[in-house]
Amino acid sequence: MKSLKTLSAVTIGAIILSTIYALAMKDQSVRIDIDSGDERSVRHTVNGDRGEFILRDAEETLEATWRGDFELTDDGNSIKSVERKLDIELETADETRRVLFEDDSNDVKATYF
């Protein structure tokens, strides 16, 4: 993932899937694992108001975990609101970058690691 915009697109896909499964399964735990066989895999887990999305390939791993609902800005470059927390980590061979978004009195607090 080269930008937050790409991450946003992946996260939006995860949210849409989460919503569909949550409605269909009535808050039961749902897990989807996809392994393409060419060093790429996706795991998506939803359990009540918790979720996890992991995308791995040969060069990097993107992981997002959340508790509660969250919403992206209109341009998809940031987080507009978060009910509880959203934790995103991007790991490459050279570095690990992480940002934690949390509710801060109806505002979004971002902590970078």
PDB file of N, CA and C in Angstrom:
ATOM      1  N   MET A   1       0.839  -1.159   0.000  1.00  0.00           N
ATOM      2  CA  MET A   1       0.000   0.000   0.000  1.00  0.00           C
ATOM      3  C   MET A   1       0.887   1.226   0.000  1.00  0.00           C
ATOM      4  N   LYS A   2       0.777   2.012  -1.014  1.00  0.00           N
ATOM      5  CA  LYS A   2       1.653   3.165  -1.163  1.00  0.00           C
ATOM      6  C   LYS A   2       1.064   4.445  -0.579  1.00  0.00           C
ATOM      7  N   SER A   3      -0.249   4.461  -0.269  1.00  0.00           N
ATOM      8  CA  SER A   3      -0.823   5.686   0.260  1.00  0.00           C
ATOM      9  C   SER A   3      -2.028   5.378   1.132  1.00  0.00           C
ATOM     10  N   LEU A   4      -2.429   6.381   1.887  1.00  0.00           N
ATOM     11  CA  LEU A   4      -3.613   6.231   2.724  1.00  0.00           C
ATOM     12  C   LEU A   4      -4.852   6.066   1.854  1.00  0.00           C
ATOM     13  N   LYS A   5      -4.837   6.609   0.639  1.00  0.00           N
ATOM     14  CA  LYS A   5      -5.971   6.469  -0.269  1.00  0.00           C
ATOM     15  C   LYS A   5      -6.174   5.000  -0.659  1.00  0.00           C
ATOM     16  N   THR A   6      -5.080   4.292  -0.932  1.00  0.00           N
ATOM     17  CA  THR A   6      -5.165   2.864  -1.239  1.00  0.00           C
ATOM     18  C   THR A   6      -5.671   2.112  -0.026  1.00  0.00           C
ATOM     19  N   LEU A   7      -5.140   2.460   1.143  1.00  0.00           N
ATOM     20  CA  LEU A   7      -5.593   1.844   2.375  1.00  0.00           C
ATOM     21  C   LEU A   7      -7.080   2.099   2.585  1.00  0.00           C
ATOM     22  N   SER A   8      -7.515   3.295   2.277  1.00  0.00           N
ATOM     23  CA  SER A   8      -8.928   3.634   2.422  1.00  0.00           C
ATOM     24  C   SER A   8      -9.802   2.752   1.548  1.00  0.00           C
ATOM     25  N   ALA A   9      -9.378   2.524   0.319  1.00  0.00           N
ATOM     26  CA  ALA A   9     -10.158   1.678  -0.595  1.00  0.00           C
ATOM     27  C   ALA A   9     -10.262   0.265  -0.045  1.00  0.00           C
ATOM     28  N   VAL A  10      -9.168  -0.256   0.479  1.00  0.00           N
ATOM     29  CA  VAL A  10      -9.174  -1.597   1.064  1.00  0.00           C
ATOM     30  C   VAL A  10     -10.080  -1.628   2.289  1.00  0.00           C
ATOM     31  N   THR A  11      -9.975  -0.597   3.117  1.00  0.00           N
ATOM     32  CA  THR A  11     -10.787  -0.536   4.333  1.00  0.00           C
ATOM     33  C   THR A  11     -12.268  -0.415   4.004  1.00  0.00           C
ATOM     34  N   ILE A  12     -12.619   0.385   2.996  1.00  0.00           N
ATOM     35  CA  ILE A  12     -14.020   0.513   2.582  1.00  0.00           C
ATOM     36  C   ILE A  12     -14.559  -0.845   2.157  1.00  0.00           C
ATOM     37  N   GLY A  13     -13.762  -1.590   1.404  1.00  0.00           N
ATOM     38  CA  GLY A  13     -14.176  -2.940   1.015  1.00  0.00           C
ATOM     39  C   GLY A  13     -14.420  -3.813   2.227  1.00  0.00           C
ATOM     40  N   ALA A  14     -13.544  -3.718   3.220  1.00  0.00           N
ATOM     41  CA  ALA A  14     -13.698  -4.499   4.445  1.00  0.00           C
ATOM     42  C   ALA A  14     -14.970  -4.097   5.191  1.00  0.00           C
ATOM     43  N   ILE A  15     -15.253  -2.798   5.229  1.00  0.00           N
ATOM     44  CA  ILE A  15     -16.452  -2.319   5.921  1.00  0.00           C
ATOM     45  C   ILE A  15     -17.713  -2.818   5.219  1.00  0.00           C
ATOM     46  N   ILE A  16     -17.736  -2.755   3.910  1.00  0.00           N
ATOM     47  CA  ILE A  16     -18.905  -3.225   3.155  1.00  0.00           C
ATOM     48  C   ILE A  16     -19.133  -4.706   3.411  1.00  0.00           C
ATOM     49  N   LEU A  17     -18.063  -5.495   3.336  1.00  0.00           N
ATOM     50  CA  LEU A  17     -18.192  -6.924   3.630  1.00  0.00           C
ATOM     51  C   LEU A  17     -18.665  -7.156   5.059  1.00  0.00           C
ATOM     52  N   SER A  18     -18.116  -6.401   6.003  1.00  0.00           N
ATOM     53  CA  SER A  18     -18.503  -6.538   7.402  1.00  0.00           C
ATOM     54  C   SER A  18     -19.985  -6.277   7.593  1.00  0.00           C
ATOM     55  N   THR A  19     -20.477  -5.229   6.961  1.00  0.00           N
ATOM     56  CA  THR A  19     -21.886  -4.872   7.080  1.00  0.00           C
ATOM     57  C   THR A  19     -22.783  -5.966   6.526  1.00  0.00           C
ATOM     58  N   ILE A  20     -22.432  -6.460   5.357  1.00  0.00           N
ATOM     59  CA  ILE A  20     -23.233  -7.524   4.729  1.00  0.00           C
ATOM     60  C   ILE A  20     -23.265  -8.757   5.619  1.00  0.00           C
ATOM     61  N   TYR A  21     -22.108  -9.178   6.094  1.00  0.00           N
ATOM     62  CA  TYR A  21     -22.050 -10.370   6.946  1.00  0.00           C
ATOM     63  C   TYR A  21     -22.727 -10.162   8.286  1.00  0.00           C
ATOM     64  N   ALA A  22     -22.568  -8.982   8.871  1.00  0.00           N
ATOM     65  CA  ALA A  22     -23.214  -8.715  10.160  1.00  0.00           C
ATOM     66  C   ALA A  22     -24.733  -8.783  10.036  1.00  0.00           C
ATOM     67  N   LEU A  23     -25.266  -8.216   8.953  1.00  0.00           N
ATOM     68  CA  LEU A  23     -26.712  -8.271   8.741  1.00  0.00           C
ATOM     69  C   LEU A  23     -27.179  -9.698   8.469  1.00  0.00           C
ATOM     70  N   ALA A  24     -26.424 -10.417   7.672  1.00  0.00           N
ATOM     71  CA  ALA A  24     -26.817 -11.782   7.312  1.00  0.00           C
ATOM     72  C   ALA A  24     -26.660 -12.758   8.467  1.00  0.00           C
ATOM     73  N   MET A  25     -25.635 -12.564   9.283  1.00  0.00           N
ATOM     74  CA  MET A  25     -25.323 -13.534  10.331  1.00  0.00           C
ATOM     75  C   MET A  25     -25.808 -13.103  11.709  1.00  0.00           C
ATOM     76  N   LYS A  26     -26.436 -11.958  11.833  1.00  0.00           N
ATOM     77  CA  LYS A  26     -26.967 -11.466  13.110  1.00  0.00           C
ATOM     78  C   LYS A  26     -25.911 -11.462  14.212  1.00  0.00           C
ATOM     79  N   ASP A  27     -24.790 -10.817  13.973  1.00  0.00           N
ATOM     80  CA  ASP A  27     -23.700 -10.642  14.926  1.00  0.00           C
ATOM     81  C   ASP A  27     -22.948 -11.919  15.282  1.00  0.00           C
ATOM     82  N   GLN A  28     -23.085 -12.954  14.497  1.00  0.00           N
ATOM     83  CA  GLN A  28     -22.259 -14.128  14.719  1.00  0.00           C
ATOM     84  C   GLN A  28     -20.867 -13.865  14.169  1.00  0.00           C
ATOM     85  N   SER A  29     -19.930 -14.655  14.604  1.00  0.00           N
ATOM     86  CA  SER A  29     -18.559 -14.507  14.134  1.00  0.00           C
ATOM     87  C   SER A  29     -18.437 -15.028  12.707  1.00  0.00           C
ATOM     88  N   VAL A  30     -17.772 -14.244  11.848  1.00  0.00           N
ATOM     89  CA  VAL A  30     -17.562 -14.627  10.459  1.00  0.00           C
ATOM     90  C   VAL A  30     -16.086 -14.441  10.140  1.00  0.00           C
ATOM     91  N   ARG A  31     -15.505 -15.420   9.459  1.00  0.00           N
ATOM     92  CA  ARG A  31     -14.096 -15.323   9.066  1.00  0.00           C
ATOM     93  C   ARG A  31     -13.953 -15.781   7.623  1.00  0.00           C
ATOM     94  N   ILE A  32     -13.226 -14.964   6.847  1.00  0.00           N
ATOM     95  CA  ILE A  32     -12.946 -15.282   5.448  1.00  0.00           C
ATOM     96  C   ILE A  32     -11.437 -15.297   5.268  1.00  0.00           C
ATOM     97  N   ASP A  33     -10.918 -16.382   4.713  1.00  0.00           N
ATOM     98  CA  ASP A  33      -9.487 -16.494   4.405  1.00  0.00           C
ATOM     99  C   ASP A  33      -9.335 -16.767   2.917  1.00  0.00           C
ATOM    100  N   ILE A  34      -8.512 -15.960   2.264  1.00  0.00           N
ATOM    101  CA  ILE A  34      -8.228 -16.149   0.840  1.00  0.00           C
ATOM    102  C   ILE A  34      -6.718 -16.205   0.669  1.00  0.00           C
ATOM    103  N   ASP A  35      -6.241 -17.282   0.067  1.00  0.00           N
ATOM    104  CA  ASP A  35      -4.807 -17.428  -0.207  1.00  0.00           C
ATOM    105  C   ASP A  35      -4.672 -17.658  -1.699  1.00  0.00           C
ATOM    106  N   SER A  36      -4.042 -16.702  -2.398  1.00  0.00           N
ATOM    107  CA  SER A  36      -3.962 -16.792  -3.858  1.00  0.00           C
ATOM    108  C   SER A  36      -2.852 -17.721  -4.333  1.00  0.00           C
ATOM    109  N   GLY A  37      -1.986 -18.165  -3.414  1.00  0.00           N
ATOM    110  CA  GLY A  37      -0.925 -19.077  -3.799  1.00  0.00           C
ATOM    111  C   GLY A  37       0.314 -18.394  -4.354  1.00  0.00           C
ATOM    112  N   ASP A  38       0.249 -17.113  -4.608  1.00  0.00           N
ATOM    113  CA  ASP A  38       1.420 -16.384  -5.123  1.00  0.00           C
ATOM    114  C   ASP A  38       1.923 -15.386  -4.075  1.00  0.00           C
ATOM    115  N   GLU A  39       2.000 -15.848  -2.836  1.00  0.00           N
ATOM    116  CA  GLU A  39       2.476 -15.068  -1.702  1.00  0.00           C
ATOM    117  C   GLU A  39       1.528 -13.944  -1.311  1.00  0.00           C
ATOM    118  N   ARG A  40       0.284 -14.020  -1.707  1.00  0.00           N
ATOM    119  CA  ARG A  40      -0.718 -13.036  -1.309  1.00  0.00           C
ATOM    120  C   ARG A  40      -1.834 -13.746  -0.552  1.00  0.00           C
ATOM    121  N   SER A  41      -2.256 -13.116   0.534  1.00  0.00           N
ATOM    122  CA  SER A  41      -3.372 -13.674   1.291  1.00  0.00           C
ATOM    123  C   SER A  41      -4.153 -12.551   1.953  1.00  0.00           C
ATOM    124  N   VAL A  42      -5.416 -12.836   2.209  1.00  0.00           N
ATOM    125  CA  VAL A  42      -6.314 -11.899   2.871  1.00  0.00           C
ATOM    126  C   VAL A  42      -7.066 -12.666   3.945  1.00  0.00           C
ATOM    127  N   ARG A  43      -7.161 -12.063   5.115  1.00  0.00           N
ATOM    128  CA  ARG A  43      -8.008 -12.617   6.173  1.00  0.00           C
ATOM    129  C   ARG A  43      -8.891 -11.498   6.679  1.00  0.00           C
ATOM    130  N   HIS A  44     -10.173 -11.794   6.790  1.00  0.00           N
ATOM    131  CA  HIS A  44     -11.144 -10.805   7.245  1.00  0.00           C
ATOM    132  C   HIS A  44     -12.025 -11.481   8.285  1.00  0.00           C
ATOM    133  N   THR A  45     -12.033 -10.942   9.497  1.00  0.00           N
ATOM    134  CA  THR A  45     -12.803 -11.518  10.593  1.00  0.00           C
ATOM    135  C   THR A  45     -13.698 -10.443  11.189  1.00  0.00           C
ATOM    136  N   VAL A  46     -14.960 -10.787  11.438  1.00  0.00           N
ATOM    137  CA  VAL A  46     -15.895  -9.890  12.101  1.00  0.00           C
ATOM    138  C   VAL A  46     -16.562 -10.676  13.222  1.00  0.00           C
ATOM    139  N   ASN A  47     -16.589 -10.083  14.403  1.00  0.00           N
ATOM    140  CA  ASN A  47     -17.231 -10.713  15.547  1.00  0.00           C
ATOM    141  C   ASN A  47     -17.926  -9.622  16.351  1.00  0.00           C
ATOM    142  N   GLY A  48     -19.235  -9.481  16.162  1.00  0.00           N
ATOM    143  CA  GLY A  48     -19.974  -8.410  16.823  1.00  0.00           C
ATOM    144  C   GLY A  48     -19.498  -7.061  16.337  1.00  0.00           C
ATOM    145  N   ASP A  49     -19.036  -6.198  17.262  1.00  0.00           N
ATOM    146  CA  ASP A  49     -18.562  -4.869  16.871  1.00  0.00           C
ATOM    147  C   ASP A  49     -17.045  -4.823  16.695  1.00  0.00           C
ATOM    148  N   ARG A  50     -16.402  -5.982  16.639  1.00  0.00           N
ATOM    149  CA  ARG A  50     -14.951  -6.068  16.433  1.00  0.00           C
ATOM    150  C   ARG A  50     -14.654  -6.610  15.040  1.00  0.00           C
ATOM    151  N   GLY A  51     -13.553  -6.150  14.476  1.00  0.00           N
ATOM    152  CA  GLY A  51     -13.161  -6.651  13.169  1.00  0.00           C
ATOM    153  C   GLY A  51     -11.659  -6.645  12.999  1.00  0.00           C
ATOM    154  N   GLU A  52     -11.217  -7.446  12.043  1.00  0.00           N
ATOM    155  CA  GLU A  52      -9.799  -7.514  11.705  1.00  0.00           C
ATOM    156  C   GLU A  52      -9.682  -7.774  10.210  1.00  0.00           C
ATOM    157  N   PHE A  53      -8.760  -7.070   9.581  1.00  0.00           N
ATOM    158  CA  PHE A  53      -8.498  -7.248   8.159  1.00  0.00           C
ATOM    159  C   PHE A  53      -6.991  -7.299   7.975  1.00  0.00           C
ATOM    160  N   ILE A  54      -6.479  -8.381   7.365  1.00  0.00           N
ATOM    161  CA  ILE A  54      -5.042  -8.524   7.141  1.00  0.00           C
ATOM    162  C   ILE A  54      -4.810  -8.853   5.676  1.00  0.00           C
ATOM    163  N   LEU A  55      -3.966  -8.067   5.038  1.00  0.00           N
ATOM    164  CA  LEU A  55      -3.572  -8.277   3.644  1.00  0.00           C
ATOM    165  C   LEU A  55      -2.060  -8.474   3.624  1.00  0.00           C
ATOM    166  N   ARG A  56      -1.613  -9.613   3.122  1.00  0.00           N
ATOM    167  CA  ARG A  56      -0.177  -9.914   3.067  1.00  0.00           C
ATOM    168  C   ARG A  56       0.232 -10.210   1.638  1.00  0.00           C
ATOM    169  N   ASP A  57       1.421  -9.727   1.280  1.00  0.00           N
ATOM    170  CA  ASP A  57       2.059 -10.159   0.038  1.00  0.00           C
ATOM    171  C   ASP A  57       3.548 -10.305   0.320  1.00  0.00           C
ATOM    172  N   ALA A  58       4.332 -10.533  -0.701  1.00  0.00           N
ATOM    173  CA  ALA A  58       5.758 -10.798  -0.514  1.00  0.00           C
ATOM    174  C   ALA A  58       6.510  -9.614   0.082  1.00  0.00           C
ATOM    175  N   GLU A  59       6.003  -8.401  -0.110  1.00  0.00           N
ATOM    176  CA  GLU A  59       6.739  -7.208   0.301  1.00  0.00           C
ATOM    177  C   GLU A  59       6.218  -6.535   1.564  1.00  0.00           C
ATOM    178  N   GLU A  60       4.933  -6.694   1.874  1.00  0.00           N
ATOM    179  CA  GLU A  60       4.379  -5.966   3.005  1.00  0.00           C
ATOM    180  C   GLU A  60       3.152  -6.648   3.595  1.00  0.00           C
ATOM    181  N   THR A  61       2.835  -6.241   4.814  1.00  0.00           N
ATOM    182  CA  THR A  61       1.643  -6.710   5.501  1.00  0.00           C
ATOM    183  C   THR A  61       0.869  -5.496   5.994  1.00  0.00           C
ATOM    184  N   LEU A  62      -0.402  -5.443   5.658  1.00  0.00           N
ATOM    185  CA  LEU A  62      -1.296  -4.383   6.110  1.00  0.00           C
ATOM    186  C   LEU A  62      -2.309  -5.013   7.039  1.00  0.00           C
ATOM    187  N   GLU A  63      -2.418  -4.471   8.239  1.00  0.00           N
ATOM    188  CA  GLU A  63      -3.365  -5.011   9.213  1.00  0.00           C
ATOM    189  C   GLU A  63      -4.195  -3.885   9.791  1.00  0.00           C
ATOM    190  N   ALA A  64      -5.504  -4.082   9.817  1.00  0.00           N
ATOM    191  CA  ALA A  64      -6.415  -3.126  10.439  1.00  0.00           C
ATOM    192  C   ALA A  64      -7.297  -3.880  11.419  1.00  0.00           C
ATOM    193  N   THR A  65      -7.381  -3.381  12.641  1.00  0.00           N
ATOM    194  CA  THR A  65      -8.292  -3.947  13.633  1.00  0.00           C
ATOM    195  C   THR A  65      -9.149  -2.811  14.161  1.00  0.00           C
ATOM    196  N   TRP A  66     -10.402  -3.106  14.471  1.00  0.00           N
ATOM    197  CA  TRP A  66     -11.280  -2.053  14.946  1.00  0.00           C
ATOM    198  C   TRP A  66     -12.263  -2.591  15.967  1.00  0.00           C
ATOM    199  N   ARG A  67     -12.780  -1.647  16.731  1.00  0.00           N
ATOM    200  CA  ARG A  67     -13.831  -1.916  17.702  1.00  0.00           C
ATOM    201  C   ARG A  67     -14.817  -0.774  17.552  1.00  0.00           C
ATOM    202  N   GLY A  68     -16.037  -1.076  17.148  1.00  0.00           N
ATOM    203  CA  GLY A  68     -17.035  -0.047  16.898  1.00  0.00           C
ATOM    204  C   GLY A  68     -16.966   0.455  15.464  1.00  0.00           C
ATOM    205  N   ASP A  69     -17.868   1.343  15.127  1.00  0.00           N
ATOM    206  CA  ASP A  69     -17.949   1.887  13.771  1.00  0.00           C
ATOM    207  C   ASP A  69     -16.936   3.007  13.563  1.00  0.00           C
ATOM    208  N   PHE A  70     -16.532   3.183  12.313  1.00  0.00           N
ATOM    209  CA  PHE A  70     -15.711   4.325  11.938  1.00  0.00           C
ATOM    210  C   PHE A  70     -16.094   4.752  10.537  1.00  0.00           C
ATOM    211  N   GLU A  71     -15.755   6.014  10.195  1.00  0.00           N
ATOM    212  CA  GLU A  71     -16.130   6.574   8.902  1.00  0.00           C
ATOM    213  C   GLU A  71     -14.947   7.332   8.308  1.00  0.00           C
ATOM    214  N   LEU A  72     -14.741   7.147   7.004  1.00  0.00           N
ATOM    215  CA  LEU A  72     -13.673   7.859   6.292  1.00  0.00           C
ATOM    216  C   LEU A  72     -14.152   9.235   5.852  1.00  0.00           C
ATOM    217  N   THR A  73     -13.207  10.157   5.637  1.00  0.00           N
ATOM    218  CA  THR A  73     -13.548  11.455   5.066  1.00  0.00           C
ATOM    219  C   THR A  73     -14.011  11.255   3.627  1.00  0.00           C
ATOM    220  N   ASP A  74     -14.651  12.270   3.054  1.00  0.00           N
ATOM    221  CA  ASP A  74     -15.179  12.159   1.690  1.00  0.00           C
ATOM    222  C   ASP A  74     -14.103  11.851   0.658  1.00  0.00           C
ATOM    223  N   ASP A  75     -12.894  12.393   0.852  1.00  0.00           N
ATOM    224  CA  ASP A  75     -11.825  12.130  -0.118  1.00  0.00           C
ATOM    225  C   ASP A  75     -11.091  10.812   0.163  1.00  0.00           C
ATOM    226  N   GLY A  76     -11.431  10.141   1.273  1.00  0.00           N
ATOM    227  CA  GLY A  76     -10.833   8.847   1.586  1.00  0.00           C
ATOM    228  C   GLY A  76      -9.421   8.917   2.120  1.00  0.00           C
ATOM    229  N   ASN A  77      -8.951  10.098   2.488  1.00  0.00           N
ATOM    230  CA  ASN A  77      -7.570  10.255   2.940  1.00  0.00           C
ATOM    231  C   ASN A  77      -7.384  10.244   4.449  1.00  0.00           C
ATOM    232  N   SER A  78      -8.474  10.212   5.203  1.00  0.00           N
ATOM    233  CA  SER A  78      -8.344  10.218   6.652  1.00  0.00           C
ATOM    234  C   SER A  78      -9.608   9.629   7.279  1.00  0.00           C
ATOM    235  N   ILE A  79      -9.620   9.615   8.590  1.00  0.00           N
ATOM    236  CA  ILE A  79     -10.755   9.098   9.344  1.00  0.00           C
ATOM    237  C   ILE A  79     -11.588  10.273   9.842  1.00  0.00           C
ATOM    238  N   LYS A  80     -12.867  10.269   9.508  1.00  0.00           N
ATOM    239  CA  LYS A  80     -13.779  11.347   9.891  1.00  0.00           C
ATOM    240  C   LYS A  80     -14.298  11.151  11.309  1.00  0.00           C
ATOM    241  N   SER A  81     -14.680   9.916  11.632  1.00  0.00           N
ATOM    242  CA  SER A  81     -15.201   9.633  12.967  1.00  0.00           C
ATOM    243  C   SER A  81     -14.885   8.187  13.332  1.00  0.00           C
ATOM    244  N   VAL A  82     -14.814   7.947  14.624  1.00  0.00           N
ATOM    245  CA  VAL A  82     -14.556   6.603  15.127  1.00  0.00           C
ATOM    246  C   VAL A  82     -15.348   6.442  16.427  1.00  0.00           C
ATOM    247  N   GLU A  83     -16.049   5.317  16.537  1.00  0.00           N
ATOM    248  CA  GLU A  83     -16.860   5.078  17.734  1.00  0.00           C
ATOM    249  C   GLU A  83     -15.979   4.700  18.922  1.00  0.00           C
ATOM    250  N   ARG A  84     -15.057   3.782  18.706  1.00  0.00           N
ATOM    251  CA  ARG A  84     -14.158   3.360  19.787  1.00  0.00           C
ATOM    252  C   ARG A  84     -12.710   3.475  19.337  1.00  0.00           C
ATOM    253  N   LYS A  85     -12.245   2.526  18.485  1.00  0.00           N
ATOM    254  CA  LYS A  85     -10.863   2.622  18.019  1.00  0.00           C
ATOM    255  C   LYS A  85     -10.666   1.891  16.706  1.00  0.00           C
ATOM    256  N   LEU A  86      -9.690   2.366  15.962  1.00  0.00           N
ATOM    257  CA  LEU A  86      -9.250   1.766  14.707  1.00  0.00           C
ATOM    258  C   LEU A  86      -7.737   1.801  14.728  1.00  0.00           C
ATOM    259  N   ASP A  87      -7.107   0.640  14.581  1.00  0.00           N
ATOM    260  CA  ASP A  87      -5.656   0.510  14.652  1.00  0.00           C
ATOM    261  C   ASP A  87      -5.169  -0.034  13.313  1.00  0.00           C
ATOM    262  N   ILE A  88      -4.292   0.711  12.629  1.00  0.00           N
ATOM    263  CA  ILE A  88      -3.798   0.319  11.306  1.00  0.00           C
ATOM    264  C   ILE A  88      -2.277   0.231  11.364  1.00  0.00           C
ATOM    265  N   GLU A  89      -1.743  -0.879  10.856  1.00  0.00           N
ATOM    266  CA  GLU A  89      -0.299  -1.084  10.852  1.00  0.00           C
ATOM    267  C   GLU A  89       0.139  -1.562   9.480  1.00  0.00           C
ATOM    268  N   LEU A  90       1.213  -0.960   8.970  1.00  0.00           N
ATOM    269  CA  LEU A  90       1.818  -1.352   7.699  1.00  0.00           C
ATOM    270  C   LEU A  90       3.256  -1.767   7.974  1.00  0.00           C
ATOM    271  N   GLU A  91       3.559  -3.022   7.671  1.00  0.00           N
ATOM    272  CA  GLU A  91       4.896  -3.551   7.921  1.00  0.00           C
ATOM    273  C   GLU A  91       5.557  -3.927   6.606  1.00  0.00           C
ATOM    274  N   THR A  92       6.770  -3.391   6.394  1.00  0.00           N
ATOM    275  CA  THR A  92       7.582  -3.745   5.239  1.00  0.00           C
ATOM    276  C   THR A  92       8.900  -4.314   5.756  1.00  0.00           C
ATOM    277  N   ALA A  93       9.767  -4.704   4.860  1.00  0.00           N
ATOM    278  CA  ALA A  93      11.072  -5.235   5.268  1.00  0.00           C
ATOM    279  C   ALA A  93      11.888  -4.176   6.001  1.00  0.00           C
ATOM    280  N   ASP A  94      11.694  -2.910   5.660  1.00  0.00           N
ATOM    281  CA  ASP A  94      12.498  -1.820   6.215  1.00  0.00           C
ATOM    282  C   ASP A  94      11.924  -1.183   7.475  1.00  0.00           C
ATOM    283  N   GLU A  95      10.600  -1.144   7.591  1.00  0.00           N
ATOM    284  CA  GLU A  95      10.004  -0.416   8.710  1.00  0.00           C
ATOM    285  C   GLU A  95       8.588  -0.890   9.011  1.00  0.00           C
ATOM    286  N   THR A  96       8.121  -0.499  10.176  1.00  0.00           N
ATOM    287  CA  THR A  96       6.733  -0.716  10.572  1.00  0.00           C
ATOM    288  C   THR A  96       6.151   0.637  10.935  1.00  0.00           C
ATOM    289  N   ARG A  97       5.024   0.964  10.318  1.00  0.00           N
ATOM    290  CA  ARG A  97       4.320   2.211  10.623  1.00  0.00           C
ATOM    291  C   ARG A  97       2.955   1.857  11.176  1.00  0.00           C
ATOM    292  N   ARG A  98       2.514   2.617  12.179  1.00  0.00           N
ATOM    293  CA  ARG A  98       1.242   2.314  12.825  1.00  0.00           C
ATOM    294  C   ARG A  98       0.546   3.613  13.206  1.00  0.00           C
ATOM    295  N   VAL A  99      -0.770   3.615  13.075  1.00  0.00           N
ATOM    296  CA  VAL A  99      -1.570   4.742  13.542  1.00  0.00           C
ATOM    297  C   VAL A  99      -2.783   4.184  14.284  1.00  0.00           C
ATOM    298  N   LEU A 100      -3.086   4.783  15.414  1.00  0.00           N
ATOM    299  CA  LEU A 100      -4.224   4.399  16.232  1.00  0.00           C
ATOM    300  C   LEU A 100      -5.198   5.572  16.262  1.00  0.00           C
ATOM    301  N   PHE A 101      -6.415   5.349  15.779  1.00  0.00           N
ATOM    302  CA  PHE A 101      -7.470   6.364  15.803  1.00  0.00           C
ATOM    303  C   PHE A 101      -8.418   6.015  16.942  1.00  0.00           C
ATOM    304  N   GLU A 102      -8.709   7.013  17.788  1.00  0.00           N
ATOM    305  CA  GLU A 102      -9.608   6.801  18.922  1.00  0.00           C
ATOM    306  C   GLU A 102     -10.570   7.969  19.052  1.00  0.00           C
ATOM    307  N   ASP A 103     -11.743   7.687  19.651  1.00  0.00           N
ATOM    308  CA  ASP A 103     -12.713   8.731  19.937  1.00  0.00           C
ATOM    309  C   ASP A 103     -12.174   9.603  21.064  1.00  0.00           C
ATOM    310  N   ASP A 104     -12.217  10.912  20.873  1.00  0.00           N
ATOM    311  CA  ASP A 104     -11.744  11.862  21.879  1.00  0.00           C
ATOM    312  C   ASP A 104     -12.791  12.966  22.005  1.00  0.00           C
ATOM    313  N   SER A 105     -13.829  12.701  22.786  1.00  0.00           N
ATOM    314  CA  SER A 105     -14.921  13.667  22.983  1.00  0.00           C
ATOM    315  C   SER A 105     -15.521  14.121  21.656  1.00  0.00           C
ATOM    316  N   ASN A 106     -15.996  13.175  20.870  1.00  0.00           N
ATOM    317  CA  ASN A 106     -16.622  13.424  19.566  1.00  0.00           C
ATOM    318  C   ASN A 106     -15.659  13.980  18.526  1.00  0.00           C
ATOM    319  N   ASP A 107     -14.391  13.788  18.725  1.00  0.00           N
ATOM    320  CA  ASP A 107     -13.369  14.152  17.751  1.00  0.00           C
ATOM    321  C   ASP A 107     -12.484  12.913  17.572  1.00  0.00           C
ATOM    322  N   VAL A 108     -11.682  12.896  16.542  1.00  0.00           N
ATOM    323  CA  VAL A 108     -10.807  11.764  16.290  1.00  0.00           C
ATOM    324  C   VAL A 108      -9.386  12.109  16.719  1.00  0.00           C
ATOM    325  N   LYS A 109      -8.841  11.312  17.603  1.00  0.00           N
ATOM    326  CA  LYS A 109      -7.462  11.481  18.055  1.00  0.00           C
ATOM    327  C   LYS A 109      -6.622  10.440  17.326  1.00  0.00           C
ATOM    328  N   ALA A 110      -5.576  10.869  16.633  1.00  0.00           N
ATOM    329  CA  ALA A 110      -4.674   9.975  15.924  1.00  0.00           C
ATOM    330  C   ALA A 110      -3.315   9.962  16.627  1.00  0.00           C
ATOM    331  N   THR A 111      -2.854   8.760  16.943  1.00  0.00           N
ATOM    332  CA  THR A 111      -1.528   8.587  17.561  1.00  0.00           C
ATOM    333  C   THR A 111      -0.686   7.772  16.605  1.00  0.00           C
ATOM    334  N   TYR A 112       0.466   8.314  16.247  1.00  0.00           N
ATOM    335  CA  TYR A 112       1.357   7.654  15.281  1.00  0.00           C
ATOM    336  C   TYR A 112       2.528   7.003  16.016  1.00  0.00           C
ATOM    337  N   PHE A 113       2.870   5.802  15.565  1.00  0.00           N
ATOM    338  CA  PHE A 113       3.991   5.051  16.156  1.00  0.00           C
ATOM    339  C   PHE A 113       5.029   4.783  15.091  1.00  0.00           C
TER     340      PHE A 113
END
